[in-house]
Amino acid sequence: MKNWIILTICSFAIISCSKDETVAPTIVESPLSTFLSSKTGLTFDTFKSDSYSLGYEFKTTADGSVTALGCSSTEAGTFALQLYKVDSVDNTGTLVASASIDLTASDIANRKFNYKTLAQKVAISKGVYYRVTYSVENKTFERLQASNNPSMTFPITSANKKVLIKRGVYGGVSSFPNQYWDVLYLADAKLEFK
């Protein structure tokens, strides 16, 4: 009888341990890269020998993390990448992450995006605006204007509807991009949601 009770308790413990709770999968988004790969016939403008901080402003519909920053370029070289948390009232920003990436000749083929994984994930909050940029110094860069691309309307919603790209942003090299326009510059971030 005692053995039967012990066996019943052990069986119950094994069964209750084997019932795994459903864990929501992690969703990873690279919103600009995904948007560009889903479109055909886009018209890009190319500019030579300018120096700017270029990117886009976004917010999320869920709390998450930024795990990497990246860009696409028409020239090889080293690029500074930045992520700013935006104070929408004052149009100012706080730098919350930065990285540097080296792009080679093979990296720049066909507007391929390359990413630098951050040493630590940066937590982001839903409904808060952020700006992701890369700095070009006397290099060629490309942009997409909404006026030249009728299929590009703002805000741009990511594939899983977790990220909303509000507009393109630009400013001085390696500084907060305090200017904006209905245009996309080729910086990007990898975002992770649970």
Protein backbone atom coordinates (compact mmCIF):
# COMPACT_ATOMS: atom_id res chain seq x y z
CA MET A 1 0.00 0.00 0.00
CA LYS A 2 2.81 2.36 0.94
CA ASN A 3 4.53 1.66 -2.39
CA TRP A 4 1.30 2.33 -4.24
CA ILE A 5 0.92 5.75 -2.56
CA ILE A 6 4.53 6.65 -3.37
CA LEU A 7 4.06 5.52 -6.98
CA THR A 8 0.86 7.60 -7.30
CA ILE A 9 2.57 10.70 -5.90
CA CYS A 10 5.56 10.26 -8.24
CA SER A 11 3.29 9.72 -11.25
CA PHE A 12 1.28 12.85 -10.43
CA ALA A 13 4.51 14.86 -10.05
CA ILE A 14 5.82 13.64 -13.41
CA ILE A 15 2.52 14.38 -15.18
CA SER A 16 2.23 17.87 -13.69
CA CYS A 17 5.86 18.64 -14.60
CA SER A 18 5.35 17.46 -18.17
CA LYS A 19 2.52 19.97 -18.73
CA ASP A 20 4.57 22.79 -20.17
CA GLU A 21 2.94 26.17 -20.14
CA THR A 22 2.63 27.63 -23.59
CA VAL A 23 5.43 30.13 -24.15
CA ALA A 24 4.76 32.85 -26.68
CA PRO A 25 7.35 32.82 -29.47
CA THR A 26 9.77 35.69 -29.78
CA ILE A 27 9.01 37.97 -32.73
CA VAL A 28 12.01 39.64 -34.37
CA GLU A 29 11.43 42.61 -36.68
CA SER A 30 13.74 44.53 -38.99
CA PRO A 31 11.03 46.91 -40.19
CA LEU A 32 12.77 48.88 -42.93
CA SER A 33 14.61 45.91 -44.41
CA THR A 34 11.36 43.91 -44.46
CA PHE A 35 9.43 46.80 -46.02
CA LEU A 36 11.97 47.25 -48.82
CA SER A 37 12.12 43.52 -49.59
CA SER A 38 8.32 43.43 -49.94
CA LYS A 39 8.19 46.25 -52.53
CA THR A 40 9.16 46.35 -56.19
CA GLY A 41 9.73 49.30 -58.49
CA LEU A 42 10.81 51.74 -55.79
CA THR A 43 12.54 54.94 -56.94
CA PHE A 44 15.67 55.83 -54.96
CA ASP A 45 17.42 59.20 -54.99
CA THR A 46 21.22 59.06 -54.68
CA PHE A 47 23.36 61.83 -53.18
CA LYS A 48 27.14 62.09 -53.25
CA SER A 49 29.65 63.57 -50.79
CA ASP A 50 27.36 64.78 -48.03
CA SER A 51 27.64 64.33 -44.27
CA TYR A 52 24.54 63.61 -42.22
CA SER A 53 22.93 61.48 -39.57
CA LEU A 54 20.11 59.67 -41.42
CA GLY A 55 17.33 57.30 -40.40
CA TYR A 56 13.73 57.04 -39.30
CA GLU A 57 11.45 57.62 -36.32
CA PHE A 58 9.35 54.77 -34.98
CA LYS A 59 7.22 53.60 -32.10
CA THR A 60 6.08 50.14 -31.10
CA THR A 61 2.70 48.70 -30.13
CA ALA A 62 4.28 46.47 -27.47
CA ASP A 63 7.20 46.63 -25.07
CA GLY A 64 10.32 45.03 -26.49
CA SER A 65 14.06 45.31 -27.01
CA VAL A 66 16.43 46.57 -29.67
CA THR A 67 19.06 43.89 -30.23
CA ALA A 68 21.02 45.32 -33.19
CA LEU A 69 21.45 48.45 -35.31
CA GLY A 70 22.23 48.43 -39.01
CA CYS A 71 22.27 50.17 -42.35
CA SER A 72 22.52 49.75 -46.08
CA SER A 73 24.98 51.79 -48.12
CA THR A 74 26.17 52.27 -51.68
CA GLU A 75 29.77 52.69 -50.44
CA ALA A 76 32.00 50.50 -48.30
CA GLY A 77 33.44 51.94 -45.10
CA THR A 78 32.84 52.40 -41.39
CA PHE A 79 29.50 53.79 -40.25
CA ALA A 80 28.39 55.01 -36.81
CA LEU A 81 24.94 53.75 -35.76
CA GLN A 82 22.76 55.43 -33.15
CA LEU A 83 19.46 54.86 -31.32
CA TYR A 84 17.77 57.83 -29.62
CA LYS A 85 14.76 57.99 -27.31
CA VAL A 86 12.70 61.00 -28.42
CA ASP A 87 11.19 63.76 -26.32
CA SER A 88 8.37 64.57 -28.75
CA VAL A 89 7.44 67.81 -26.99
CA ASP A 90 10.87 69.44 -27.34
CA ASN A 91 12.04 67.50 -30.44
CA THR A 92 15.14 66.42 -28.54
CA GLY A 93 16.59 63.00 -27.94
CA THR A 94 18.67 60.94 -25.55
CA LEU A 95 21.23 58.54 -27.02
CA VAL A 96 20.39 55.07 -25.65
CA ALA A 97 22.61 52.88 -27.86
CA SER A 98 25.38 53.22 -30.40
CA ALA A 99 27.60 50.93 -32.42
CA SER A 100 29.99 51.00 -35.34
CA ILE A 101 29.82 48.78 -38.41
CA ASP A 102 32.30 48.09 -41.20
CA LEU A 103 30.78 47.42 -44.61
CA THR A 104 32.83 45.72 -47.32
CA ALA A 105 32.31 45.72 -51.09
CA SER A 106 30.31 42.47 -50.87
CA ASP A 107 28.14 43.94 -48.08
CA ILE A 108 26.85 46.79 -50.21
CA ALA A 109 25.45 44.74 -53.09
CA ASN A 110 21.71 45.02 -53.81
CA ARG A 111 20.84 47.29 -50.85
CA LYS A 112 21.57 44.50 -48.40
CA PHE A 113 21.17 45.54 -44.76
CA ASN A 114 23.97 44.65 -42.35
CA TYR A 115 23.51 44.72 -38.58
CA LYS A 116 25.78 45.07 -35.57
CA THR A 117 24.51 43.18 -32.52
CA LEU A 118 24.49 45.35 -29.41
CA ALA A 119 26.50 44.17 -26.39
CA GLN A 120 23.30 44.52 -24.35
CA LYS A 121 19.67 44.62 -25.47
CA VAL A 122 18.03 48.03 -25.06
CA ALA A 123 14.53 47.91 -23.57
CA ILE A 124 11.97 50.02 -25.43
CA SER A 125 8.45 50.96 -24.32
CA LYS A 126 5.29 50.82 -26.40
CA GLY A 127 3.97 54.18 -27.53
CA VAL A 128 7.33 55.94 -27.03
CA TYR A 129 9.10 57.36 -30.09
CA TYR A 130 12.67 56.38 -31.00
CA ARG A 131 14.96 57.37 -33.87
CA VAL A 132 17.49 55.00 -35.43
CA THR A 133 20.24 56.54 -37.58
CA TYR A 134 23.52 55.94 -39.29
CA SER A 135 26.13 58.60 -40.01
CA VAL A 136 27.53 59.21 -43.47
CA GLU A 137 30.60 61.39 -43.79
CA ASN A 138 31.41 62.45 -47.35
CA LYS A 139 29.82 59.28 -48.71
CA THR A 140 27.08 58.48 -51.17
CA PHE A 141 23.71 57.72 -49.62
CA GLU A 142 20.25 56.86 -50.88
CA ARG A 143 16.74 57.83 -49.85
CA LEU A 144 13.16 57.05 -50.81
CA GLN A 145 10.75 59.97 -51.06
CA ALA A 146 7.06 59.30 -50.57
CA SER A 147 6.27 61.75 -53.40
CA ASN A 148 8.25 59.53 -55.84
CA ASN A 149 6.84 56.27 -54.47
CA PRO A 150 3.02 56.19 -54.34
CA SER A 151 3.03 52.77 -52.61
CA MET A 152 4.94 54.27 -49.67
CA THR A 153 2.53 55.91 -47.24
CA PHE A 154 3.26 56.84 -43.64
CA PRO A 155 3.02 55.47 -41.09
CA ILE A 156 4.57 52.27 -42.41
CA THR A 157 3.47 49.23 -40.41
CA SER A 158 5.82 46.29 -39.93
CA ALA A 159 4.96 42.73 -40.95
CA ASN A 160 3.74 41.72 -37.47
CA LYS A 161 2.17 45.14 -36.78
CA LYS A 162 4.51 45.69 -33.83
CA VAL A 163 6.46 48.64 -35.30
CA LEU A 164 5.17 51.85 -36.89
CA ILE A 165 7.67 53.92 -38.90
CA LYS A 166 6.42 57.50 -38.59
CA ARG A 167 8.82 59.34 -40.95
CA GLY A 168 12.41 59.79 -42.04
CA VAL A 169 14.77 61.91 -39.93
CA TYR A 170 18.11 63.61 -40.53
CA GLY A 171 20.57 65.95 -38.83
CA GLY A 172 24.26 66.67 -38.32
CA VAL A 173 26.79 63.83 -38.31
CA SER A 174 26.62 61.69 -35.14
CA SER A 175 24.11 64.04 -33.54
CA PHE A 176 20.40 63.85 -32.78
CA PRO A 177 18.48 64.02 -36.09
CA ASN A 178 16.13 66.92 -35.36
CA GLN A 179 14.80 67.36 -38.91
CA TYR A 180 12.15 65.15 -40.50
CA TRP A 181 10.42 64.52 -43.79
CA ASP A 182 8.24 61.93 -45.57
CA VAL A 183 11.29 60.05 -46.76
CA LEU A 184 13.13 56.88 -45.75
CA TYR A 185 16.87 56.77 -45.18
CA LEU A 186 18.53 53.36 -45.05
CA ALA A 187 19.20 52.87 -41.35
CA ASP A 188 17.44 50.07 -39.49
CA ALA A 189 17.10 48.30 -36.14
CA LYS A 190 16.37 44.72 -35.11
CA LEU A 191 13.59 44.64 -32.54
CA GLU A 192 12.53 41.72 -30.42
CA PHE A 193 9.10 41.17 -28.86
CA LYS A 194 7.81 38.38 -26.60
